Protein backbone atom coordinates (compact mmCIF):
# COMPACT_ATOMS: atom_id res chain seq x y z
CA MET A 1 -0.23 0.16 -0.33
CA PRO A 2 1.53 2.95 -1.14
CA THR A 3 2.45 5.61 1.74
CA SER A 4 1.54 9.11 1.55
CA PRO A 5 4.00 11.90 1.24
CA SER A 6 5.00 13.35 4.80
CA ILE A 7 4.14 16.60 5.59
CA ALA A 8 6.67 18.72 7.24
CA THR A 9 5.34 20.28 10.69
CA PRO A 10 6.42 22.84 13.18
CA ALA A 11 8.58 21.27 16.03
CA ARG A 12 6.51 21.37 19.28
CA GLY A 13 7.19 24.18 21.43
CA ALA A 14 8.99 26.29 18.62
CA ALA A 15 8.62 29.89 19.23
CA ALA A 16 6.40 31.69 16.30
CA PRO A 17 8.82 34.03 14.51
CA THR A 18 8.44 37.70 15.23
CA ARG A 19 5.89 39.32 13.03
CA ILE A 20 7.26 42.43 11.66
CA LEU A 21 5.52 45.84 9.78
CA LEU A 22 8.44 47.54 8.05
CA ALA A 23 7.62 51.07 6.98
CA ASP A 24 9.95 52.99 4.20
CA ASP A 25 8.87 55.44 1.40
CA HIS A 26 11.16 53.91 -0.61
CA ALA A 27 9.72 50.54 -2.53
CA LEU A 28 13.32 49.14 -3.38
CA VAL A 29 14.50 49.93 0.14
CA ARG A 30 11.65 48.03 1.48
CA ARG A 31 12.27 44.98 -0.46
CA GLY A 32 16.08 44.75 0.73
CA VAL A 33 15.20 45.01 4.08
CA ARG A 34 12.62 42.52 3.67
CA LEU A 35 15.15 40.18 1.97
CA ILE A 36 17.32 40.29 4.98
CA LEU A 37 14.29 39.75 7.10
CA ASP A 38 12.36 36.98 5.63
CA GLY A 39 15.79 35.20 5.47
CA GLU A 40 15.81 34.37 9.16
CA PRO A 41 13.55 31.79 10.35
CA ASP A 42 12.67 33.72 13.73
CA LEU A 43 11.93 36.65 12.00
CA THR A 44 8.85 37.43 9.27
CA VAL A 45 7.60 41.12 7.86
CA VAL A 46 3.23 40.58 7.62
CA ALA A 47 3.22 44.16 6.27
CA GLU A 48 5.08 46.91 4.28
CA ALA A 49 3.93 50.96 4.81
CA GLY A 50 5.06 53.53 2.46
CA ASP A 51 4.55 56.31 4.82
CA GLY A 52 3.89 57.05 8.59
CA ALA A 53 0.10 57.65 8.55
CA GLU A 54 -0.42 54.08 6.76
CA ALA A 55 2.53 52.32 9.29
CA VAL A 56 -0.09 53.62 12.29
CA GLU A 57 -3.07 52.28 10.44
CA MET A 58 -1.68 48.93 9.00
CA ALA A 59 -0.28 48.13 12.88
CA ARG A 60 -3.09 48.63 14.51
CA GLY A 61 -5.00 46.26 12.03
CA GLU A 62 -2.02 43.79 12.07
CA GLN A 63 -1.24 43.77 15.25
CA PRO A 64 2.76 43.30 15.08
CA ASP A 65 5.49 42.21 17.36
CA LEU A 66 7.64 45.14 15.83
CA VAL A 67 7.38 48.10 13.62
CA ILE A 68 10.50 49.18 11.74
CA LEU A 69 10.04 52.51 10.49
CA ASP A 70 12.38 55.03 8.22
CA ILE A 71 12.73 58.25 10.34
CA ALA A 72 12.40 60.20 7.15
CA MET A 73 8.84 59.28 5.88
CA PRO A 74 6.52 61.96 4.71
CA ARG A 75 2.90 62.22 6.07
CA PRO A 76 3.96 61.82 9.16
CA THR A 77 7.54 61.35 9.58
CA GLY A 78 8.83 58.21 11.19
CA LEU A 79 9.43 59.89 14.68
CA GLN A 80 5.95 61.45 14.76
CA ALA A 81 4.56 57.96 14.07
CA ALA A 82 6.67 56.22 16.75
CA ARG A 83 5.34 58.51 19.04
CA GLU A 84 2.00 57.56 17.95
CA LEU A 85 2.13 53.95 17.81
CA SER A 86 3.80 54.11 21.53
CA ARG A 87 0.47 56.15 22.61
CA VAL A 88 -1.84 53.69 21.15
CA MET A 89 -0.03 50.15 21.00
CA PRO A 90 2.40 50.46 24.24
CA GLY A 91 2.87 46.92 23.98
CA VAL A 92 4.81 47.16 20.45
CA ARG A 93 8.48 47.41 19.99
CA ILE A 94 9.83 50.13 17.84
CA LEU A 95 13.11 50.28 15.71
CA MET A 96 13.87 53.26 13.65
CA LEU A 97 15.86 52.89 10.10
CA THR A 98 17.71 55.35 8.84
CA MET A 99 20.61 56.69 6.56
CA TYR A 100 21.79 59.84 8.75
CA ASP A 101 24.09 59.39 11.77
CA ASN A 102 22.92 61.62 13.50
CA GLU A 103 23.02 61.97 17.33
CA GLN A 104 20.29 64.20 17.82
CA TYR A 105 17.98 61.74 15.53
CA PHE A 106 18.94 59.13 17.72
CA PHE A 107 17.78 61.01 21.01
CA GLU A 108 14.55 61.71 19.81
CA ALA A 109 14.56 58.18 18.72
CA LEU A 110 14.65 56.96 22.33
CA LYS A 111 12.10 59.87 23.58
CA ALA A 112 9.42 58.52 20.53
CA GLY A 113 9.59 55.09 22.26
CA ALA A 114 12.06 53.41 20.03
CA ALA A 115 14.17 50.72 21.32
CA GLY A 116 17.17 51.14 18.70
CA TYR A 117 18.35 52.70 16.06
CA VAL A 118 19.74 51.47 12.55
CA LEU A 119 21.56 53.05 10.33
CA LYS A 120 20.67 51.58 6.63
CA SER A 121 24.25 51.23 5.34
CA VAL A 122 24.86 48.68 7.97
CA ALA A 123 21.63 47.13 8.07
CA ASP A 124 22.47 44.00 6.34
CA ARG A 125 24.88 43.33 9.66
CA ASP A 126 23.08 44.78 12.33
CA LEU A 127 19.10 44.75 11.49
CA VAL A 128 18.47 41.63 12.56
CA GLU A 129 20.39 41.49 15.93
CA ALA A 130 18.54 44.85 16.71
CA CYS A 131 15.52 43.01 15.82
CA ARG A 132 15.90 40.26 18.37
CA THR A 133 17.61 43.22 21.08
CA ALA A 134 14.25 44.72 20.87
CA MET A 135 12.15 41.31 21.61
CA ARG A 136 14.38 40.63 24.51
CA ASP A 137 13.23 44.19 25.92
CA GLU A 138 16.64 45.56 25.42
CA PRO A 139 17.99 48.73 23.82
CA PHE A 140 20.14 47.97 20.12
CA LEU A 141 22.85 50.71 20.25
CA CYS A 142 25.20 51.09 17.32
CA PRO A 143 28.71 51.81 17.37
CA GLY A 144 27.69 55.51 16.33
CA ALA A 145 25.18 55.96 18.87
CA VAL A 146 27.47 54.58 21.29
CA THR A 147 29.43 57.55 20.60
CA ALA A 148 26.56 59.85 20.92
CA LEU A 149 25.71 58.54 24.34
CA ILE A 150 29.60 59.01 25.31
CA ARG A 151 29.51 62.68 24.18
CA ASN A 152 26.27 63.54 25.80
CA PHE A 153 27.43 62.12 29.03
CA LEU A 154 31.09 64.22 28.62
CA ASP A 155 28.98 67.48 28.17
CA ARG A 156 26.46 67.12 30.81
CA ALA A 157 29.47 66.45 33.41
CA LYS A 158 31.37 69.68 31.63
CA ASP A 159 27.68 71.47 32.02
CA GLY A 160 27.35 70.20 35.93
CA GLU A 161 24.51 68.66 35.36
CA ASP A 162 23.66 65.36 37.64
CA LEU A 163 24.84 62.18 36.12
CA PRO A 164 23.98 58.23 37.09
CA ALA A 165 25.47 57.26 39.94
CA ARG A 166 26.73 53.57 38.44
CA ALA A 167 26.54 52.30 35.24
CA ILE A 168 24.67 48.78 36.56
CA THR A 169 21.96 47.82 39.13
CA GLU A 170 22.71 46.37 42.34
CA ARG A 171 21.12 43.23 40.97
CA GLU A 172 23.76 43.44 38.18
CA GLU A 173 26.27 43.94 40.06
CA GLU A 174 25.73 40.90 42.04
CA ILE A 175 24.98 38.51 39.14
CA LEU A 176 28.08 40.23 37.21
CA LYS A 177 30.09 39.08 40.68
CA LEU A 178 28.91 35.59 40.75
CA VAL A 179 29.62 34.80 36.67
CA ALA A 180 32.99 36.03 37.34
CA GLU A 181 33.64 33.84 40.14
CA GLY A 182 32.42 30.87 37.29
CA HIS A 183 29.18 29.73 39.02
CA SER A 184 26.68 28.64 36.36
CA SER A 185 23.21 30.35 35.51
CA LYS A 186 21.37 27.49 37.81
CA GLU A 187 23.87 28.33 40.60
CA ILE A 188 22.96 31.80 40.25
CA ALA A 189 19.20 31.29 40.22
CA GLU A 190 19.38 29.18 43.13
CA LEU A 191 21.79 31.87 44.98
CA LEU A 192 19.74 34.67 44.44
CA VAL A 193 16.53 33.36 44.27
CA ILE A 194 15.29 33.66 40.95
CA SER A 195 14.45 31.78 37.58
CA VAL A 196 17.41 30.78 35.47
CA LYS A 197 16.29 32.75 32.53
CA THR A 198 15.85 35.93 34.85
CA VAL A 199 19.54 35.28 35.16
CA GLU A 200 20.30 35.26 31.80
CA ARG A 201 18.65 37.65 30.64
CA ARG A 202 20.01 40.17 32.92
CA ARG A 203 23.40 39.10 31.97
CA ALA A 204 22.45 39.85 28.21
CA ASN A 205 21.90 43.01 29.75
CA LEU A 206 25.25 43.30 31.48
CA LEU A 207 26.71 42.30 27.97
CA GLN A 208 24.64 45.35 26.10
CA LYS A 209 25.58 48.12 28.72
CA LEU A 210 29.22 47.56 29.17
CA GLY A 211 29.74 46.74 25.85
CA LEU A 212 31.00 43.33 26.54
CA LYS A 213 31.24 40.13 24.58
CA ASP A 214 31.55 37.28 26.74
CA ARG A 215 32.31 36.07 30.60
CA LEU A 216 35.65 36.23 29.97
CA GLU A 217 35.39 40.19 29.60
CA LEU A 218 32.97 40.13 32.45
CA THR A 219 35.14 38.45 34.25
CA ARG A 220 37.97 41.61 33.40
CA TYR A 221 35.44 44.11 34.05
CA ALA A 222 34.77 42.86 37.44
CA ILE A 223 38.19 42.57 38.67
CA ARG A 224 38.65 46.05 37.03
CA ALA A 225 35.67 47.42 39.37
CA GLY A 226 37.19 45.61 42.39
CA LEU A 227 34.45 43.05 42.61
CA ILE A 228 36.53 39.92 42.81
CA GLU A 229 39.98 39.76 43.10
CA PRO A 230 42.28 38.77 40.61
């Protein structure tokens, strides 16, 4: 008796891909960005918009997880659309896409509720990671944005403005110390009475905040900060 061809089914427990709305007034840009995103198994573009008003309207209808907005779109701009989306859909994540490496745009994007700011010139390198970072509820900072933040910090210090007292929170400092001492995520979770997932999320936040890559660099930072003995 002939057997029917097998049908591929998604693996049990596999997370659904992040649903993305892409908004840019240039169709060629949208096509290129869509090729980058749809090439990833955990990302999918479900809708496209050609201006700010259409982006807001389509977001309300499609209810995406993530909206990528070109800053310089017409009717209204991407920044204005971001402010409106943050107001009417506070749960949606937003990324700004731009050709301008401009620190003023970067700070305005953060004020508008965006989780990150990606340059079109390096979208093939940075955009996928920016999407994943935004979906972890973490900020994505490209190198140019980090430079802008440092410049802003130094300007505030020079003008005598109040500055944050510390780069990381007390709980992050606890986790940093334990990671540097060689404890596993499970051991840290048991010591601090939190979940393993929380430990891993906070460790990822530490790497992002401090601009570090791995446990070795975290350990070196902990030594320099005086948290552990070399």
